Structure formats: structure tokens, C-alpha cells
Amino acid sequence: MYFEVEGALDVIPVDPVRLLGALLLGVAVALLGATVVLFTSQAALFVPFGVFLQFAFGVILLRVDRADDVADADVDAA
């Protein structure tokens, strides 16, 4: 969902992209714990691709190099 509100995400003290990355890593850890419990109690073998993807996306979002200003990014691109 996209929305346009002046200063909507500027009031939080952290970068929203890195916050989302940290939340993804938190959910991935919780799902990894659930996967371990399920793996030890079930006879079926499964591969938790979703957990791996959440770890990967969380790390990508934490390591992203964001541009400070759109105007600066346009000047650098030209």
C-alpha cells in the first residue's frame, strides 16, 4: 500500500527500511523455532523455504544503502 502524508514516517526515530528488516529477522527467528519444533515432532521431511527467504530479505533490508535525497540521486545519475 502506498500513501502520501507529509511527515508520516519522519516521526519515528529509526529508518523505516531498517525497522522492517529487523522485524523480518524477528519473524524469521520465531518461524525457525516453530520449524525446529515441527521437525522434531513430525516424521515428514520438509524444507522451510519461507524462513530462508525472510532471513535473506531481512539482511538485505538491514544492509541497504539508501539515498539521502531524491534531488541528490538525480544529480548523481546524470
N, C-alpha and C. Protein backbone atom coordinates (compact mmCIF):
# COMPACT_ATOMS: atom_id res chain seq x y z
N MET A 1 0.85 -1.17 0.00
CA MET A 1 0.00 0.00 0.00
C MET A 1 0.89 1.24 0.00
N TYR A 2 0.52 2.18 -0.77
CA TYR A 2 1.24 3.44 -0.83
C TYR A 2 0.32 4.54 -0.32
N PHE A 3 0.89 5.48 0.38
CA PHE A 3 0.11 6.61 0.85
C PHE A 3 1.01 7.83 0.87
N GLU A 4 0.38 8.97 0.79
CA GLU A 4 1.12 10.23 0.78
C GLU A 4 0.64 11.08 1.93
N VAL A 5 1.46 11.18 2.93
CA VAL A 5 1.19 12.02 4.08
C VAL A 5 2.50 12.70 4.42
N GLU A 6 2.46 13.98 4.53
CA GLU A 6 3.67 14.73 4.85
C GLU A 6 4.15 14.37 6.25
N GLY A 7 5.36 13.83 6.33
CA GLY A 7 5.97 13.56 7.62
C GLY A 7 5.41 12.36 8.35
N ALA A 8 4.75 11.44 7.67
CA ALA A 8 4.14 10.30 8.35
C ALA A 8 5.20 9.39 8.96
N LEU A 9 6.26 9.12 8.22
CA LEU A 9 7.30 8.24 8.72
C LEU A 9 8.50 9.00 9.28
N ASP A 10 8.44 10.31 9.26
CA ASP A 10 9.54 11.10 9.79
C ASP A 10 9.51 11.20 11.31
N VAL A 11 8.41 10.85 11.93
CA VAL A 11 8.29 10.99 13.38
C VAL A 11 8.91 9.82 14.13
N ILE A 12 9.14 8.68 13.47
CA ILE A 12 9.77 7.57 14.17
C ILE A 12 11.28 7.79 14.19
N PRO A 13 11.95 7.39 15.27
CA PRO A 13 13.37 7.72 15.42
C PRO A 13 14.33 6.84 14.63
N VAL A 14 13.84 5.81 13.94
CA VAL A 14 14.71 4.92 13.18
C VAL A 14 14.31 4.94 11.71
N ASP A 15 15.21 4.44 10.88
CA ASP A 15 14.94 4.35 9.45
C ASP A 15 13.86 3.28 9.23
N PRO A 16 12.78 3.59 8.53
CA PRO A 16 11.69 2.62 8.35
C PRO A 16 12.11 1.36 7.59
N VAL A 17 13.06 1.48 6.68
CA VAL A 17 13.50 0.32 5.92
C VAL A 17 14.25 -0.64 6.83
N ARG A 18 15.12 -0.10 7.67
CA ARG A 18 15.86 -0.94 8.59
C ARG A 18 14.95 -1.51 9.69
N LEU A 19 13.93 -0.77 10.06
CA LEU A 19 12.95 -1.28 11.02
C LEU A 19 12.23 -2.49 10.43
N LEU A 20 11.84 -2.41 9.18
CA LEU A 20 11.18 -3.53 8.52
C LEU A 20 12.13 -4.72 8.41
N GLY A 21 13.41 -4.46 8.13
CA GLY A 21 14.39 -5.55 8.09
C GLY A 21 14.55 -6.23 9.43
N ALA A 22 14.58 -5.45 10.51
CA ALA A 22 14.69 -6.04 11.84
C ALA A 22 13.44 -6.84 12.20
N LEU A 23 12.27 -6.34 11.81
CA LEU A 23 11.04 -7.08 12.06
C LEU A 23 11.00 -8.39 11.27
N LEU A 24 11.48 -8.35 10.03
CA LEU A 24 11.54 -9.58 9.24
C LEU A 24 12.48 -10.60 9.88
N LEU A 25 13.62 -10.14 10.40
CA LEU A 25 14.52 -11.07 11.06
C LEU A 25 13.91 -11.64 12.33
N GLY A 26 13.16 -10.83 13.06
CA GLY A 26 12.48 -11.31 14.26
C GLY A 26 11.46 -12.39 13.94
N VAL A 27 10.68 -12.16 12.90
CA VAL A 27 9.69 -13.15 12.49
C VAL A 27 10.37 -14.41 11.97
N ALA A 28 11.49 -14.24 11.28
CA ALA A 28 12.22 -15.41 10.77
C ALA A 28 12.75 -16.26 11.91
N VAL A 29 13.23 -15.63 12.97
CA VAL A 29 13.71 -16.39 14.13
C VAL A 29 12.56 -17.14 14.79
N ALA A 30 11.41 -16.48 14.92
CA ALA A 30 10.25 -17.14 15.52
C ALA A 30 9.79 -18.32 14.66
N LEU A 31 9.75 -18.14 13.35
CA LEU A 31 9.34 -19.24 12.47
C LEU A 31 10.38 -20.34 12.42
N LEU A 32 11.65 -20.00 12.58
CA LEU A 32 12.68 -21.03 12.64
C LEU A 32 12.50 -21.89 13.89
N GLY A 33 12.16 -21.25 15.01
CA GLY A 33 11.87 -22.01 16.23
C GLY A 33 10.68 -22.93 16.05
N ALA A 34 9.63 -22.44 15.41
CA ALA A 34 8.46 -23.28 15.14
C ALA A 34 8.81 -24.41 14.19
N THR A 35 9.70 -24.16 13.24
CA THR A 35 10.12 -25.19 12.30
C THR A 35 10.89 -26.28 13.02
N VAL A 36 11.75 -25.89 13.96
CA VAL A 36 12.52 -26.88 14.72
C VAL A 36 11.58 -27.75 15.54
N VAL A 37 10.60 -27.14 16.19
CA VAL A 37 9.64 -27.92 16.97
C VAL A 37 8.85 -28.86 16.07
N LEU A 38 8.43 -28.38 14.91
CA LEU A 38 7.67 -29.21 13.98
C LEU A 38 8.54 -30.33 13.43
N PHE A 39 9.79 -30.05 13.15
CA PHE A 39 10.70 -31.04 12.60
C PHE A 39 10.96 -32.17 13.60
N THR A 40 11.06 -31.81 14.89
CA THR A 40 11.33 -32.84 15.89
C THR A 40 10.10 -33.67 16.24
N SER A 41 8.90 -33.15 15.96
CA SER A 41 7.69 -33.88 16.35
C SER A 41 6.99 -34.57 15.18
N GLN A 42 7.39 -34.32 13.96
CA GLN A 42 6.76 -34.92 12.78
C GLN A 42 7.73 -35.88 12.10
N ALA A 43 7.18 -36.86 11.43
CA ALA A 43 8.01 -37.83 10.71
C ALA A 43 8.33 -37.35 9.29
N ALA A 44 7.59 -36.38 8.79
CA ALA A 44 7.80 -35.91 7.42
C ALA A 44 9.02 -35.01 7.33
N LEU A 45 9.67 -35.03 6.19
CA LEU A 45 10.82 -34.17 5.95
C LEU A 45 10.37 -33.01 5.07
N PHE A 46 10.71 -31.80 5.46
CA PHE A 46 10.32 -30.62 4.69
C PHE A 46 11.45 -29.60 4.76
N VAL A 47 11.46 -28.70 3.80
CA VAL A 47 12.47 -27.64 3.74
C VAL A 47 11.74 -26.31 3.89
N PRO A 48 12.06 -25.54 4.92
CA PRO A 48 11.36 -24.27 5.16
C PRO A 48 11.91 -23.13 4.31
N PHE A 49 11.50 -23.07 3.05
CA PHE A 49 11.99 -22.03 2.15
C PHE A 49 11.58 -20.63 2.61
N GLY A 50 10.39 -20.50 3.17
CA GLY A 50 9.91 -19.20 3.62
C GLY A 50 10.80 -18.59 4.69
N VAL A 51 11.29 -19.42 5.60
CA VAL A 51 12.19 -18.92 6.66
C VAL A 51 13.49 -18.41 6.04
N PHE A 52 14.03 -19.15 5.08
CA PHE A 52 15.26 -18.72 4.42
C PHE A 52 15.05 -17.40 3.67
N LEU A 53 13.91 -17.27 3.01
CA LEU A 53 13.62 -16.03 2.30
C LEU A 53 13.47 -14.85 3.26
N GLN A 54 12.83 -15.08 4.40
CA GLN A 54 12.68 -14.00 5.37
C GLN A 54 14.03 -13.57 5.92
N PHE A 55 14.91 -14.53 6.21
CA PHE A 55 16.26 -14.17 6.65
C PHE A 55 16.98 -13.37 5.57
N ALA A 56 16.88 -13.80 4.32
CA ALA A 56 17.57 -13.11 3.23
C ALA A 56 17.04 -11.69 3.04
N PHE A 57 15.72 -11.53 3.01
CA PHE A 57 15.14 -10.20 2.82
C PHE A 57 15.43 -9.30 4.02
N GLY A 58 15.42 -9.84 5.22
CA GLY A 58 15.74 -9.05 6.40
C GLY A 58 17.17 -8.54 6.36
N VAL A 59 18.11 -9.39 5.98
CA VAL A 59 19.51 -8.97 5.88
C VAL A 59 19.68 -7.95 4.77
N ILE A 60 19.02 -8.15 3.65
CA ILE A 60 19.11 -7.19 2.54
C ILE A 60 18.61 -5.81 2.99
N LEU A 61 17.49 -5.78 3.69
CA LEU A 61 16.93 -4.50 4.13
C LEU A 61 17.80 -3.84 5.20
N LEU A 62 18.47 -4.63 6.02
CA LEU A 62 19.35 -4.03 7.02
C LEU A 62 20.64 -3.48 6.40
N ARG A 63 21.08 -4.06 5.30
CA ARG A 63 22.34 -3.65 4.69
C ARG A 63 22.19 -2.67 3.53
N VAL A 64 20.96 -2.27 3.22
CA VAL A 64 20.71 -1.42 2.06
C VAL A 64 21.38 -0.05 2.24
N ASP A 65 21.87 0.49 1.14
CA ASP A 65 22.48 1.82 1.13
C ASP A 65 21.48 2.77 0.51
N ARG A 66 20.80 3.54 1.35
CA ARG A 66 19.73 4.42 0.87
C ARG A 66 20.27 5.78 0.48
N ALA A 67 19.65 6.36 -0.54
CA ALA A 67 19.98 7.72 -0.95
C ALA A 67 19.36 8.69 0.05
N ASP A 68 20.07 9.76 0.38
CA ASP A 68 19.58 10.72 1.36
C ASP A 68 18.47 11.59 0.80
N ASP A 69 18.62 11.99 -0.46
CA ASP A 69 17.66 12.92 -1.04
C ASP A 69 17.42 12.54 -2.48
N VAL A 70 16.21 12.69 -2.94
CA VAL A 70 15.88 12.36 -4.33
C VAL A 70 16.60 13.30 -5.29
N ALA A 71 16.74 14.56 -4.93
CA ALA A 71 17.42 15.52 -5.79
C ALA A 71 18.89 15.16 -5.95
N ASP A 72 19.54 14.70 -4.86
CA ASP A 72 20.94 14.28 -4.95
C ASP A 72 21.08 13.04 -5.82
N ALA A 73 20.12 12.13 -5.74
CA ALA A 73 20.18 10.91 -6.55
C ALA A 73 20.03 11.25 -8.03
N ASP A 74 19.19 12.23 -8.36
CA ASP A 74 19.01 12.63 -9.75
C ASP A 74 20.26 13.31 -10.29
N VAL A 75 20.95 14.08 -9.48
CA VAL A 75 22.18 14.75 -9.91
C VAL A 75 23.27 13.71 -10.15
N ASP A 76 23.37 12.71 -9.28
CA ASP A 76 24.39 11.68 -9.44
C ASP A 76 24.13 10.81 -10.67
N ALA A 77 22.86 10.59 -11.00
CA ALA A 77 22.52 9.75 -12.14
C ALA A 77 22.83 10.44 -13.47
N ALA A 78 22.81 11.76 -13.49
CA ALA A 78 23.00 12.49 -14.74
C ALA A 78 24.43 12.61 -15.15
